[in-house]
PDB file of N, CA and C in Angstrom:
ATOM      1  N   MET A   1     -17.753 143.276 107.782  1.00  0.00           N
ATOM      2  CA  MET A   1     -18.985 143.955 108.064  1.00  0.00           C
ATOM      3  C   MET A   1     -20.148 143.263 108.224  1.00  0.00           C
ATOM      4  N   LYS A   2     -20.384 142.502 107.233  1.00  0.00           N
ATOM      5  CA  LYS A   2     -21.436 141.332 106.928  1.00  0.00           C
ATOM      6  C   LYS A   2     -21.954 140.862 108.281  1.00  0.00           C
ATOM      7  N   SER A   3     -20.983 140.435 108.646  1.00  0.00           N
ATOM      8  CA  SER A   3     -21.147 139.151 109.812  1.00  0.00           C
ATOM      9  C   SER A   3     -21.277 140.169 111.241  1.00  0.00           C
ATOM     10  N   LEU A   4     -20.653 141.482 111.377  1.00  0.00           N
ATOM     11  CA  LEU A   4     -21.176 142.579 112.476  1.00  0.00           C
ATOM     12  C   LEU A   4     -22.831 142.754 112.277  1.00  0.00           C
ATOM     13  N   LEU A   5     -23.032 143.207 111.204  1.00  0.00           N
ATOM     14  CA  LEU A   5     -24.860 143.230 111.289  1.00  0.00           C
ATOM     15  C   LEU A   5     -25.304 141.984 111.297  1.00  0.00           C
ATOM     16  N   PHE A   6     -25.028 140.901 110.918  1.00  0.00           N
ATOM     17  CA  PHE A   6     -25.753 139.619 111.348  1.00  0.00           C
ATOM     18  C   PHE A   6     -25.405 139.360 112.938  1.00  0.00           C
ATOM     19  N   PHE A   7     -24.657 139.877 113.452  1.00  0.00           N
ATOM     20  CA  PHE A   7     -24.136 139.774 114.953  1.00  0.00           C
ATOM     21  C   PHE A   7     -25.709 140.531 115.534  1.00  0.00           C
ATOM     22  N   ALA A   8     -25.253 142.091 114.743  1.00  0.00           N
ATOM     23  CA  ALA A   8     -26.256 142.895 115.678  1.00  0.00           C
ATOM     24  C   ALA A   8     -27.901 142.381 115.232  1.00  0.00           C
ATOM     25  N   PHE A   9     -28.073 141.903 114.789  1.00  0.00           N
ATOM     26  CA  PHE A   9     -29.391 141.322 114.421  1.00  0.00           C
ATOM     27  C   PHE A   9     -29.652 140.014 115.398  1.00  0.00           C
ATOM     28  N   LEU A  10     -28.875 139.203 115.424  1.00  0.00           N
ATOM     29  CA  LEU A  10     -28.811 137.875 116.454  1.00  0.00           C
ATOM     30  C   LEU A  10     -29.130 138.137 117.569  1.00  0.00           C
ATOM     31  N   LEU A  11     -28.278 139.089 118.324  1.00  0.00           N
ATOM     32  CA  LEU A  11     -27.995 139.632 119.666  1.00  0.00           C
ATOM     33  C   LEU A  11     -29.207 139.621 120.119  1.00  0.00           C
ATOM     34  N   PRO A  12     -30.387 140.483 119.632  1.00  0.00           N
ATOM     35  CA  PRO A  12     -31.691 140.376 120.726  1.00  0.00           C
ATOM     36  C   PRO A  12     -32.133 139.193 120.598  1.00  0.00           C
ATOM     37  N   THR A  13     -31.807 138.004 119.683  1.00  0.00           N
ATOM     38  CA  THR A  13     -32.801 136.712 119.544  1.00  0.00           C
ATOM     39  C   THR A  13     -31.935 135.873 120.692  1.00  0.00           C
ATOM     40  N   VAL A  14     -30.649 136.198 120.717  1.00  0.00           N
ATOM     41  CA  VAL A  14     -29.941 135.602 121.525  1.00  0.00           C
ATOM     42  C   VAL A  14     -30.149 135.809 123.289  1.00  0.00           C
ATOM     43  N   TYR A  15     -30.344 136.929 123.569  1.00  0.00           N
ATOM     44  CA  TYR A  15     -30.139 137.404 124.852  1.00  0.00           C
ATOM     45  C   TYR A  15     -31.656 138.081 125.065  1.00  0.00           C
ATOM     46  N   GLN A  16     -32.540 136.801 125.685  1.00  0.00           N
ATOM     47  CA  GLN A  16     -33.809 137.386 126.011  1.00  0.00           C
ATOM     48  C   GLN A  16     -34.186 137.147 127.424  1.00  0.00           C
ATOM     49  N   PRO A  17     -33.887 138.443 128.523  1.00  0.00           N
ATOM     50  CA  PRO A  17     -34.095 138.107 129.460  1.00  0.00           C
ATOM     51  C   PRO A  17     -35.477 137.347 130.180  1.00  0.00           C
ATOM     52  N   SER A  18     -36.612 138.120 129.290  1.00  0.00           N
ATOM     53  CA  SER A  18     -38.122 137.130 129.875  1.00  0.00           C
ATOM     54  C   SER A  18     -38.096 135.814 129.683  1.00  0.00           C
ATOM     55  N   ALA A  19     -37.379 135.228 128.792  1.00  0.00           N
ATOM     56  CA  ALA A  19     -36.935 133.618 128.663  1.00  0.00           C
ATOM     57  C   ALA A  19     -36.338 133.147 129.856  1.00  0.00           C
ATOM     58  N   ASN A  20     -35.743 133.537 130.671  1.00  0.00           N
ATOM     59  CA  ASN A  20     -35.503 133.065 131.660  1.00  0.00           C
ATOM     60  C   ASN A  20     -36.851 133.003 132.739  1.00  0.00           C
ATOM     61  N   LEU A  21     -37.376 134.019 132.589  1.00  0.00           N
ATOM     62  CA  LEU A  21     -38.684 134.227 133.511  1.00  0.00           C
ATOM     63  C   LEU A  21     -39.819 132.980 133.371  1.00  0.00           C
ATOM     64  N   SER A  22     -39.701 132.972 132.036  1.00  0.00           N
ATOM     65  CA  SER A  22     -40.729 132.112 131.569  1.00  0.00           C
ATOM     66  C   SER A  22     -40.581 130.807 132.034  1.00  0.00           C
ATOM     67  N   ALA A  23     -39.001 130.249 131.980  1.00  0.00           N
ATOM     68  CA  ALA A  23     -38.848 129.037 132.548  1.00  0.00           C
ATOM     69  C   ALA A  23     -39.013 129.086 134.292  1.00  0.00           C
ATOM     70  N   ILE A  24     -38.809 130.160 134.759  1.00  0.00           N
ATOM     71  CA  ILE A  24     -39.046 130.325 136.189  1.00  0.00           C
ATOM     72  C   ILE A  24     -40.227 130.162 136.173  1.00  0.00           C
ATOM     73  N   THR A  25     -40.851 130.723 136.196  1.00  0.00           N
ATOM     74  CA  THR A  25     -42.544 130.253 136.203  1.00  0.00           C
ATOM     75  C   THR A  25     -43.064 129.300 135.839  1.00  0.00           C
ATOM     76  N   GLN A  26     -42.707 128.570 134.685  1.00  0.00           N
ATOM     77  CA  GLN A  26     -42.759 127.381 134.309  1.00  0.00           C
ATOM     78  C   GLN A  26     -42.802 126.456 135.692  1.00  0.00           C
ATOM     79  N   ALA A  27     -40.682 126.323 135.896  1.00  0.00           N
ATOM     80  CA  ALA A  27     -40.805 125.313 137.402  1.00  0.00           C
ATOM     81  C   ALA A  27     -41.368 125.582 138.241  1.00  0.00           C
ATOM     82  N   ILE A  28     -41.831 127.309 138.623  1.00  0.00           N
ATOM     83  CA  ILE A  28     -43.066 126.685 140.285  1.00  0.00           C
ATOM     84  C   ILE A  28     -44.114 126.415 139.607  1.00  0.00           C
ATOM     85  N   SER A  29     -44.688 126.717 138.469  1.00  0.00           N
ATOM     86  CA  SER A  29     -45.827 126.110 138.292  1.00  0.00           C
ATOM     87  C   SER A  29     -45.831 124.449 138.264  1.00  0.00           C
ATOM     88  N   GLN A  30     -44.952 123.923 137.705  1.00  0.00           N
ATOM     89  CA  GLN A  30     -44.960 122.552 137.785  1.00  0.00           C
ATOM     90  C   GLN A  30     -43.990 121.615 139.270  1.00  0.00           C
ATOM     91  N   GLY A  31     -43.774 122.758 140.016  1.00  0.00           N
ATOM     92  CA  GLY A  31     -43.283 122.318 141.518  1.00  0.00           C
ATOM     93  C   GLY A  31     -41.935 121.396 141.212  1.00  0.00           C
ATOM     94  N   ASP A  32     -41.035 122.001 140.073  1.00  0.00           N
ATOM     95  CA  ASP A  32     -39.857 121.714 139.725  1.00  0.00           C
ATOM     96  C   ASP A  32     -38.645 122.220 140.204  1.00  0.00           C
ATOM     97  N   ALA A  33     -38.280 122.248 141.603  1.00  0.00           N
ATOM     98  CA  ALA A  33     -37.133 122.873 142.693  1.00  0.00           C
ATOM     99  C   ALA A  33     -36.038 122.375 142.036  1.00  0.00           C
ATOM    100  N   THR A  34     -35.625 121.426 141.308  1.00  0.00           N
ATOM    101  CA  THR A  34     -34.174 121.441 140.864  1.00  0.00           C
ATOM    102  C   THR A  34     -33.747 122.664 139.384  1.00  0.00           C
ATOM    103  N   THR A  35     -35.094 122.354 138.370  1.00  0.00           N
ATOM    104  CA  THR A  35     -34.648 123.635 137.668  1.00  0.00           C
ATOM    105  C   THR A  35     -35.218 125.092 138.050  1.00  0.00           C
ATOM    106  N   LEU A  36     -35.888 125.165 138.912  1.00  0.00           N
ATOM    107  CA  LEU A  36     -36.017 126.629 139.858  1.00  0.00           C
ATOM    108  C   LEU A  36     -34.490 127.237 140.193  1.00  0.00           C
ATOM    109  N   GLY A  37     -33.669 126.246 140.250  1.00  0.00           N
ATOM    110  CA  GLY A  37     -32.980 126.222 141.489  1.00  0.00           C
ATOM    111  C   GLY A  37     -31.467 126.618 140.929  1.00  0.00           C
ATOM    112  N   SER A  38     -31.675 126.607 139.663  1.00  0.00           N
ATOM    113  CA  SER A  38     -30.754 126.559 138.513  1.00  0.00           C
ATOM    114  C   SER A  38     -30.398 128.182 138.019  1.00  0.00           C
ATOM    115  N   TYR A  39     -31.386 128.621 138.462  1.00  0.00           N
ATOM    116  CA  TYR A  39     -31.552 130.337 138.292  1.00  0.00           C
ATOM    117  C   TYR A  39     -31.391 131.013 139.823  1.00  0.00           C
ATOM    118  N   PHE A  40     -31.227 130.325 140.901  1.00  0.00           N
ATOM    119  CA  PHE A  40     -30.733 130.860 141.867  1.00  0.00           C
ATOM    120  C   PHE A  40     -29.336 131.438 141.581  1.00  0.00           C
ATOM    121  N   ASP A  41     -28.780 132.535 142.041  1.00  0.00           N
ATOM    122  CA  ASP A  41     -27.774 133.391 142.699  1.00  0.00           C
ATOM    123  C   ASP A  41     -26.831 132.417 143.630  1.00  0.00           C
ATOM    124  N   GLU A  42     -25.610 132.564 144.287  1.00  0.00           N
ATOM    125  CA  GLU A  42     -25.198 131.556 145.119  1.00  0.00           C
ATOM    126  C   GLU A  42     -25.627 131.800 146.261  1.00  0.00           C
ATOM    127  N   SER A  43     -26.334 133.122 146.791  1.00  0.00           N
ATOM    128  CA  SER A  43     -27.006 133.345 147.758  1.00  0.00           C
ATOM    129  C   SER A  43     -28.698 133.836 146.988  1.00  0.00           C
ATOM    130  N   VAL A  44     -29.805 133.525 148.410  1.00  0.00           N
ATOM    131  CA  VAL A  44     -30.719 134.096 147.324  1.00  0.00           C
ATOM    132  C   VAL A  44     -31.643 133.801 148.612  1.00  0.00           C
ATOM    133  N   GLU A  45     -32.452 135.099 148.742  1.00  0.00           N
ATOM    134  CA  GLU A  45     -33.352 135.328 149.920  1.00  0.00           C
ATOM    135  C   GLU A  45     -34.782 134.276 149.388  1.00  0.00           C
ATOM    136  N   ILE A  46     -35.277 133.740 150.572  1.00  0.00           N
ATOM    137  CA  ILE A  46     -36.260 132.857 150.264  1.00  0.00           C
ATOM    138  C   ILE A  46     -37.278 133.390 151.693  1.00  0.00           C
ATOM    139  N   SER A  47     -38.539 133.478 151.477  1.00  0.00           N
ATOM    140  CA  SER A  47     -39.319 133.794 152.421  1.00  0.00           C
ATOM    141  C   SER A  47     -40.623 133.180 151.781  1.00  0.00           C
ATOM    142  N   ILE A  48     -40.864 132.238 152.783  1.00  0.00           N
ATOM    143  CA  ILE A  48     -42.140 131.121 152.846  1.00  0.00           C
ATOM    144  C   ILE A  48     -42.726 131.259 154.274  1.00  0.00           C
ATOM    145  N   LEU A  49     -44.434 131.860 153.647  1.00  0.00           N
ATOM    146  CA  LEU A  49     -45.071 131.868 154.986  1.00  0.00           C
ATOM    147  C   LEU A  49     -44.647 132.481 155.931  1.00  0.00           C
ATOM    148  N   GLU A  50     -43.918 133.977 155.930  1.00  0.00           N
ATOM    149  CA  GLU A  50     -43.314 134.602 156.707  1.00  0.00           C
ATOM    150  C   GLU A  50     -41.789 134.232 157.463  1.00  0.00           C
ATOM    151  N   LYS A  51     -41.825 133.030 157.385  1.00  0.00           N
ATOM    152  CA  LYS A  51     -40.420 132.917 157.633  1.00  0.00           C
ATOM    153  C   LYS A  51     -38.918 133.514 156.414  1.00  0.00           C
ATOM    154  N   ASP A  52     -38.729 134.172 156.576  1.00  0.00           N
ATOM    155  CA  ASP A  52     -37.463 134.989 155.856  1.00  0.00           C
ATOM    156  C   ASP A  52     -36.402 134.504 155.884  1.00  0.00           C
ATOM    157  N   GLU A  53     -35.394 134.211 155.011  1.00  0.00           N
ATOM    158  CA  GLU A  53     -33.748 133.679 155.464  1.00  0.00           C
ATOM    159  C   GLU A  53     -33.389 134.330 154.134  1.00  0.00           C
ATOM    160  N   ILE A  54     -31.872 134.351 154.353  1.00  0.00           N
ATOM    161  CA  ILE A  54     -30.996 134.029 153.060  1.00  0.00           C
ATOM    162  C   ILE A  54     -30.236 133.022 152.769  1.00  0.00           C
ATOM    163  N   TYR A  55     -30.387 131.931 151.898  1.00  0.00           N
ATOM    164  CA  TYR A  55     -29.800 131.018 151.959  1.00  0.00           C
ATOM    165  C   TYR A  55     -28.643 130.537 151.019  1.00  0.00           C
ATOM    166  N   SER A  56     -27.729 129.787 151.178  1.00  0.00           N
ATOM    167  CA  SER A  56     -26.819 129.475 149.597  1.00  0.00           C
ATOM    168  C   SER A  56     -27.729 128.751 148.836  1.00  0.00           C
ATOM    169  N   LYS A  57     -26.958 128.539 147.620  1.00  0.00           N
ATOM    170  CA  LYS A  57     -28.110 128.152 146.593  1.00  0.00           C
ATOM    171  C   LYS A  57     -28.545 126.811 146.737  1.00  0.00           C
ATOM    172  N   SER A  58     -27.818 125.778 147.541  1.00  0.00           N
ATOM    173  CA  SER A  58     -28.210 124.576 147.475  1.00  0.00           C
ATOM    174  C   SER A  58     -29.330 124.289 148.885  1.00  0.00           C
ATOM    175  N   ASP A  59     -28.994 125.186 149.852  1.00  0.00           N
ATOM    176  CA  ASP A  59     -30.061 124.874 150.788  1.00  0.00           C
ATOM    177  C   ASP A  59     -31.261 125.702 150.434  1.00  0.00           C
ATOM    178  N   ALA A  60     -31.249 126.360 149.645  1.00  0.00           N
ATOM    179  CA  ALA A  60     -32.683 127.075 148.914  1.00  0.00           C
ATOM    180  C   ALA A  60     -33.041 126.052 148.052  1.00  0.00           C
ATOM    181  N   ILE A  61     -32.699 125.568 147.123  1.00  0.00           N
ATOM    182  CA  ILE A  61     -33.217 124.220 146.507  1.00  0.00           C
ATOM    183  C   ILE A  61     -33.940 123.372 147.749  1.00  0.00           C
ATOM    184  N   GLY A  62     -33.211 123.004 148.679  1.00  0.00           N
ATOM    185  CA  GLY A  62     -33.877 122.074 149.895  1.00  0.00           C
ATOM    186  C   GLY A  62     -35.330 122.745 150.258  1.00  0.00           C
ATOM    187  N   VAL A  63     -35.325 124.092 150.821  1.00  0.00           N
ATOM    188  CA  VAL A  63     -36.277 124.810 151.172  1.00  0.00           C
ATOM    189  C   VAL A  63     -37.227 124.610 150.069  1.00  0.00           C
ATOM    190  N   ILE A  64     -36.957 124.889 149.104  1.00  0.00           N
ATOM    191  CA  ILE A  64     -38.158 125.164 148.087  1.00  0.00           C
ATOM    192  C   ILE A  64     -38.376 123.448 147.798  1.00  0.00           C
ATOM    193  N   LYS A  65     -37.852 122.932 147.413  1.00  0.00           N
ATOM    194  CA  LYS A  65     -38.346 121.291 147.223  1.00  0.00           C
ATOM    195  C   LYS A  65     -39.055 120.720 148.604  1.00  0.00           C
ATOM    196  N   GLN A  66     -38.930 120.996 149.982  1.00  0.00           N
ATOM    197  CA  GLN A  66     -39.594 121.072 151.109  1.00  0.00           C
ATOM    198  C   GLN A  66     -40.886 121.637 150.718  1.00  0.00           C
ATOM    199  N   PHE A  67     -41.139 122.961 150.610  1.00  0.00           N
ATOM    200  CA  PHE A  67     -42.471 123.684 150.362  1.00  0.00           C
ATOM    201  C   PHE A  67     -43.077 123.120 149.112  1.00  0.00           C
ATOM    202  N   PHE A  68     -42.890 122.742 148.027  1.00  0.00           N
ATOM    203  CA  PHE A  68     -43.362 122.241 146.869  1.00  0.00           C
ATOM    204  C   PHE A  68     -43.900 120.596 147.727  1.00  0.00           C
ATOM    205  N   GLY A  69     -43.420 119.933 148.390  1.00  0.00           N
ATOM    206  CA  GLY A  69     -43.603 118.474 148.903  1.00  0.00           C
ATOM    207  C   GLY A  69     -44.634 119.039 149.727  1.00  0.00           C
ATOM    208  N   GLN A  70     -44.844 119.781 150.233  1.00  0.00           N
ATOM    209  CA  GLN A  70     -46.176 120.237 151.394  1.00  0.00           C
ATOM    210  C   GLN A  70     -47.229 120.520 150.341  1.00  0.00           C
ATOM    211  N   TYR A  71     -46.790 121.608 149.596  1.00  0.00           N
ATOM    212  CA  TYR A  71     -47.987 122.380 148.879  1.00  0.00           C
ATOM    213  C   TYR A  71     -47.450 122.143 147.410  1.00  0.00           C
ATOM    214  N   ARG A  72     -48.130 121.273 146.980  1.00  0.00           N
ATOM    215  CA  ARG A  72     -48.131 120.502 145.297  1.00  0.00           C
ATOM    216  C   ARG A  72     -48.655 121.609 144.252  1.00  0.00           C
ATOM    217  N   PRO A  73     -48.033 122.173 143.540  1.00  0.00           N
ATOM    218  CA  PRO A  73     -48.806 123.210 142.692  1.00  0.00           C
ATOM    219  C   PRO A  73     -49.884 122.693 141.407  1.00  0.00           C
ATOM    220  N   SER A  74     -50.653 123.373 141.385  1.00  0.00           N
ATOM    221  CA  SER A  74     -51.363 122.957 140.862  1.00  0.00           C
ATOM    222  C   SER A  74     -52.025 123.824 139.641  1.00  0.00           C
ATOM    223  N   GLY A  75     -51.528 125.253 139.496  1.00  0.00           N
ATOM    224  CA  GLY A  75     -51.574 126.175 138.728  1.00  0.00           C
ATOM    225  C   GLY A  75     -50.795 127.419 139.228  1.00  0.00           C
ATOM    226  N   TRP A  76     -50.687 128.475 138.320  1.00  0.00           N
ATOM    227  CA  TRP A  76     -50.184 129.586 137.974  1.00  0.00           C
ATOM    228  C   TRP A  76     -50.443 130.510 137.282  1.00  0.00           C
ATOM    229  N   SER A  77     -50.628 131.874 137.681  1.00  0.00           N
ATOM    230  CA  SER A  77     -51.125 132.967 136.503  1.00  0.00           C
ATOM    231  C   SER A  77     -50.510 134.096 136.884  1.00  0.00           C
ATOM    232  N   THR A  78     -49.567 134.851 135.925  1.00  0.00           N
ATOM    233  CA  THR A  78     -48.919 135.940 136.133  1.00  0.00           C
ATOM    234  C   THR A  78     -49.715 137.043 136.367  1.00  0.00           C
ATOM    235  N   VAL A  79     -49.499 137.904 137.283  1.00  0.00           N
ATOM    236  CA  VAL A  79     -50.142 138.942 137.842  1.00  0.00           C
ATOM    237  C   VAL A  79     -49.795 140.352 137.292  1.00  0.00           C
ATOM    238  N   HIS A  80     -48.323 140.628 137.267  1.00  0.00           N
ATOM    239  CA  HIS A  80     -47.622 141.623 136.578  1.00  0.00           C
ATOM    240  C   HIS A  80     -46.371 141.627 136.697  1.00  0.00           C
ATOM    241  N   LYS A  81     -44.859 142.146 135.619  1.00  0.00           N
ATOM    242  CA  LYS A  81     -43.794 141.469 135.446  1.00  0.00           C
ATOM    243  C   LYS A  81     -43.093 142.935 134.950  1.00  0.00           C
ATOM    244  N   GLY A  82     -41.773 143.253 135.305  1.00  0.00           N
ATOM    245  CA  GLY A  82     -41.465 144.220 134.546  1.00  0.00           C
ATOM    246  C   GLY A  82     -39.763 144.324 134.776  1.00  0.00           C
ATOM    247  N   ALA A  83     -39.185 145.104 133.923  1.00  0.00           N
ATOM    248  CA  ALA A  83     -37.882 145.219 134.216  1.00  0.00           C
ATOM    249  C   ALA A  83     -37.614 146.386 134.413  1.00  0.00           C
ATOM    250  N   ALA A  84     -36.272 146.624 134.756  1.00  0.00           N
ATOM    251  CA  ALA A  84     -35.886 148.277 134.922  1.00  0.00           C
ATOM    252  C   ALA A  84     -34.960 148.402 133.731  1.00  0.00           C
ATOM    253  N   ARG A  85     -35.192 149.899 133.243  1.00  0.00           N
ATOM    254  CA  ARG A  85     -35.242 150.376 132.080  1.00  0.00           C
ATOM    255  C   ARG A  85     -33.654 149.490 131.353  1.00  0.00           C
ATOM    256  N   ASN A  86     -32.579 149.550 132.379  1.00  0.00           N
ATOM    257  CA  ASN A  86     -31.400 148.921 131.235  1.00  0.00           C
ATOM    258  C   ASN A  86     -31.269 147.439 131.397  1.00  0.00           C
ATOM    259  N   ASN A  87     -32.349 147.185 131.629  1.00  0.00           N
ATOM    260  CA  ASN A  87     -32.603 145.469 131.912  1.00  0.00           C
ATOM    261  C   ASN A  87     -31.771 144.808 132.796  1.00  0.00           C
ATOM    262  N   ASP A  88     -30.891 145.247 133.744  1.00  0.00           N
ATOM    263  CA  ASP A  88     -30.146 144.636 134.508  1.00  0.00           C
ATOM    264  C   ASP A  88     -31.159 143.981 135.963  1.00  0.00           C
ATOM    265  N   SER A  89     -32.388 144.079 136.303  1.00  0.00           N
ATOM    266  CA  SER A  89     -32.849 143.278 136.827  1.00  0.00           C
ATOM    267  C   SER A  89     -34.516 143.428 136.598  1.00  0.00           C
ATOM    268  N   GLN A  90     -34.955 142.356 137.019  1.00  0.00           N
ATOM    269  CA  GLN A  90     -36.833 142.607 136.565  1.00  0.00           C
ATOM    270  C   GLN A  90     -37.175 141.445 137.987  1.00  0.00           C
ATOM    271  N   TYR A  91     -38.901 141.601 137.221  1.00  0.00           N
ATOM    272  CA  TYR A  91     -39.206 141.162 138.987  1.00  0.00           C
ATOM    273  C   TYR A  91     -40.721 140.354 138.061  1.00  0.00           C
ATOM    274  N   CYS A  92     -41.336 139.770 138.727  1.00  0.00           N
ATOM    275  CA  CYS A  92     -42.423 139.090 138.618  1.00  0.00           C
ATOM    276  C   CYS A  92     -43.216 138.616 139.464  1.00  0.00           C
ATOM    277  N   ILE A  93     -44.691 138.888 139.510  1.00  0.00           N
ATOM    278  CA  ILE A  93     -45.595 139.096 140.740  1.00  0.00           C
ATOM    279  C   ILE A  93     -46.651 137.839 140.415  1.00  0.00           C
ATOM    280  N   GLY A  94     -46.821 136.677 141.042  1.00  0.00           N
ATOM    281  CA  GLY A  94     -47.906 135.882 140.044  1.00  0.00           C
ATOM    282  C   GLY A  94     -48.727 135.200 141.358  1.00  0.00           C
ATOM    283  N   ASN A  95     -49.657 134.300 141.026  1.00  0.00           N
ATOM    284  CA  ASN A  95     -50.299 133.795 141.799  1.00  0.00           C
ATOM    285  C   ASN A  95     -50.139 132.012 141.359  1.00  0.00           C
ATOM    286  N   LEU A  96     -49.928 131.458 142.824  1.00  0.00           N
ATOM    287  CA  LEU A  96     -49.686 129.921 142.687  1.00  0.00           C
ATOM    288  C   LEU A  96     -51.018 129.351 143.214  1.00  0.00           C
ATOM    289  N   ASN A  97     -51.491 128.194 142.886  1.00  0.00           N
ATOM    290  CA  ASN A  97     -52.375 127.310 143.622  1.00  0.00           C
ATOM    291  C   ASN A  97     -51.858 126.014 143.807  1.00  0.00           C
ATOM    292  N   ALA A  98     -51.873 125.833 144.990  1.00  0.00           N
ATOM    293  CA  ALA A  98     -51.520 124.520 145.534  1.00  0.00           C
ATOM    294  C   ALA A  98     -52.258 124.128 146.851  1.00  0.00           C
ATOM    295  N   ASN A  99     -52.798 122.767 146.713  1.00  0.00           N
ATOM    296  CA  ASN A  99     -53.250 122.205 147.648  1.00  0.00           C
ATOM    297  C   ASN A  99     -54.515 122.680 148.000  1.00  0.00           C
ATOM    298  N   GLY A 100     -55.263 123.823 147.209  1.00  0.00           N
ATOM    299  CA  GLY A 100     -56.539 124.615 147.569  1.00  0.00           C
ATOM    300  C   GLY A 100     -56.248 125.512 148.064  1.00  0.00           C
ATOM    301  N   LYS A 101     -54.662 126.245 148.210  1.00  0.00           N
ATOM    302  CA  LYS A 101     -54.535 127.436 148.819  1.00  0.00           C
ATOM    303  C   LYS A 101     -53.937 127.973 147.888  1.00  0.00           C
ATOM    304  N   THR A 102     -54.136 129.453 147.432  1.00  0.00           N
ATOM    305  CA  THR A 102     -53.285 130.371 146.890  1.00  0.00           C
ATOM    306  C   THR A 102     -51.991 130.950 147.451  1.00  0.00           C
ATOM    307  N   PHE A 103     -50.873 131.207 146.916  1.00  0.00           N
ATOM    308  CA  PHE A 103     -49.974 132.099 147.116  1.00  0.00           C
ATOM    309  C   PHE A 103     -49.673 133.137 146.250  1.00  0.00           C
ATOM    310  N   ARG A 104     -49.477 134.369 147.011  1.00  0.00           N
ATOM    311  CA  ARG A 104     -48.764 135.112 146.027  1.00  0.00           C
ATOM    312  C   ARG A 104     -47.053 135.299 146.074  1.00  0.00           C
ATOM    313  N   VAL A 105     -46.931 134.993 144.690  1.00  0.00           N
ATOM    314  CA  VAL A 105     -45.111 134.861 144.564  1.00  0.00           C
ATOM    315  C   VAL A 105     -44.692 135.844 144.235  1.00  0.00           C
ATOM    316  N   TYR A 106     -43.476 136.011 144.588  1.00  0.00           N
ATOM    317  CA  TYR A 106     -42.965 137.513 144.042  1.00  0.00           C
ATOM    318  C   TYR A 106     -41.255 136.885 143.728  1.00  0.00           C
ATOM    319  N   ILE A 107     -40.870 137.531 142.800  1.00  0.00           N
ATOM    320  CA  ILE A 107     -39.667 137.259 141.698  1.00  0.00           C
ATOM    321  C   ILE A 107     -38.790 137.804 141.825  1.00  0.00           C
ATOM    322  N   TYR A 108     -37.308 138.475 142.453  1.00  0.00           N
ATOM    323  CA  TYR A 108     -36.570 139.355 142.133  1.00  0.00           C
ATOM    324  C   TYR A 108     -35.333 138.799 141.127  1.00  0.00           C
ATOM    325  N   LEU A 109     -34.919 139.287 139.971  1.00  0.00           N
ATOM    326  CA  LEU A 109     -34.066 138.809 139.602  1.00  0.00           C
ATOM    327  C   LEU A 109     -32.894 139.846 139.094  1.00  0.00           C
ATOM    328  N   LYS A 110     -31.968 139.566 138.843  1.00  0.00           N
ATOM    329  CA  LYS A 110     -30.325 141.135 139.077  1.00  0.00           C
ATOM    330  C   LYS A 110     -29.475 140.163 137.785  1.00  0.00           C
ATOM    331  N   GLU A 111     -29.132 140.800 136.769  1.00  0.00           N
ATOM    332  CA  GLU A 111     -28.432 140.555 135.789  1.00  0.00           C
ATOM    333  C   GLU A 111     -26.792 140.007 136.593  1.00  0.00           C
ATOM    334  N   LYS A 112     -26.360 139.089 136.724  1.00  0.00           N
ATOM    335  CA  LYS A 112     -24.999 138.725 136.821  1.00  0.00           C
ATOM    336  C   LYS A 112     -24.308 137.945 136.063  1.00  0.00           C
ATOM    337  N   GLY A 113     -23.158 137.924 135.356  1.00  0.00           N
ATOM    338  CA  GLY A 113     -22.584 136.926 134.613  1.00  0.00           C
ATOM    339  C   GLY A 113     -22.983 137.135 132.926  1.00  0.00           C
ATOM    340  N   GLY A 114     -23.823 137.938 132.858  1.00  0.00           N
ATOM    341  CA  GLY A 114     -24.561 137.955 131.565  1.00  0.00           C
ATOM    342  C   GLY A 114     -26.152 136.851 131.758  1.00  0.00           C
ATOM    343  N   ARG A 115     -26.465 136.492 132.846  1.00  0.00           N
ATOM    344  CA  ARG A 115     -27.661 135.769 133.603  1.00  0.00           C
ATOM    345  C   ARG A 115     -28.727 136.350 134.368  1.00  0.00           C
ATOM    346  N   GLN A 116     -29.782 136.471 133.789  1.00  0.00           N
ATOM    347  CA  GLN A 116     -30.732 136.703 135.301  1.00  0.00           C
ATOM    348  C   GLN A 116     -30.948 135.909 136.417  1.00  0.00           C
ATOM    349  N   LEU A 117     -30.619 136.293 137.329  1.00  0.00           N
ATOM    350  CA  LEU A 117     -30.375 135.104 138.519  1.00  0.00           C
ATOM    351  C   LEU A 117     -31.633 135.863 139.450  1.00  0.00           C
ATOM    352  N   ILE A 118     -32.241 134.149 140.197  1.00  0.00           N
ATOM    353  CA  ILE A 118     -33.176 134.851 141.403  1.00  0.00           C
ATOM    354  C   ILE A 118     -32.691 135.340 142.345  1.00  0.00           C
ATOM    355  N   GLN A 119     -32.659 136.507 143.228  1.00  0.00           N
ATOM    356  CA  GLN A 119     -31.955 137.212 144.307  1.00  0.00           C
ATOM    357  C   GLN A 119     -33.223 137.085 145.632  1.00  0.00           C
ATOM    358  N   GLU A 120     -34.520 137.001 144.820  1.00  0.00           N
ATOM    359  CA  GLU A 120     -35.427 137.356 146.457  1.00  0.00           C
ATOM    360  C   GLU A 120     -36.866 136.445 145.750  1.00  0.00           C
ATOM    361  N   LEU A 121     -37.503 135.343 146.367  1.00  0.00           N
ATOM    362  CA  LEU A 121     -38.028 134.585 146.096  1.00  0.00           C
ATOM    363  C   LEU A 121     -39.513 134.531 147.258  1.00  0.00           C
ATOM    364  N   ARG A 122     -40.589 134.889 146.986  1.00  0.00           N
ATOM    365  CA  ARG A 122     -41.159 134.888 148.610  1.00  0.00           C
ATOM    366  C   ARG A 122     -42.437 134.204 148.006  1.00  0.00           C
ATOM    367  N   PHE A 123     -43.153 133.484 149.334  1.00  0.00           N
ATOM    368  CA  PHE A 123     -44.549 133.020 148.609  1.00  0.00           C
ATOM    369  C   PHE A 123     -45.468 133.333 150.230  1.00  0.00           C
ATOM    370  N   ASP A 124     -46.145 134.012 149.530  1.00  0.00           N
ATOM    371  CA  ASP A 124     -47.195 134.963 150.707  1.00  0.00           C
ATOM    372  C   ASP A 124     -48.460 133.869 150.386  1.00  0.00           C
ATOM    373  N   GLN A 125     -48.987 133.773 151.687  1.00  0.00           N
ATOM    374  CA  GLN A 125     -50.515 132.817 151.052  1.00  0.00           C
ATOM    375  C   GLN A 125     -51.497 134.125 151.278  1.00  0.00           C
ATOM    376  N   GLU A 126     -52.174 134.120 150.171  1.00  0.00           N
ATOM    377  CA  GLU A 126     -53.342 134.787 150.720  1.00  0.00           C
ATOM    378  C   GLU A 126     -54.381 134.923 151.307  1.00  0.00           C
TER     379      GLU A 126
END
């Protein structure tokens, strides 16, 4: 019984969906496509400056590397974030500063296999 209570108290500290979101926004702010890609689902919708495609995970990482190569991030600010009531999905909207431009970034994550994975990532120039 004690071990069950211990597990019940430990579970909320182990599973924290917002921890993924923090790591994701940090990867974006640092221009780290590889780390960002580790949070992609097997297929992910990427929209960059109105070019919208569904890519495999590996192709999406390449597209993001190319974007970060052209627009080197220099700052990030989270504008809004939220989660579904049952925590099976969450989103974040933020502003990315890169090469003197500002991009509005939309991130949509959904739970798969016990992890929050990116389903959609959008970069729209302000």
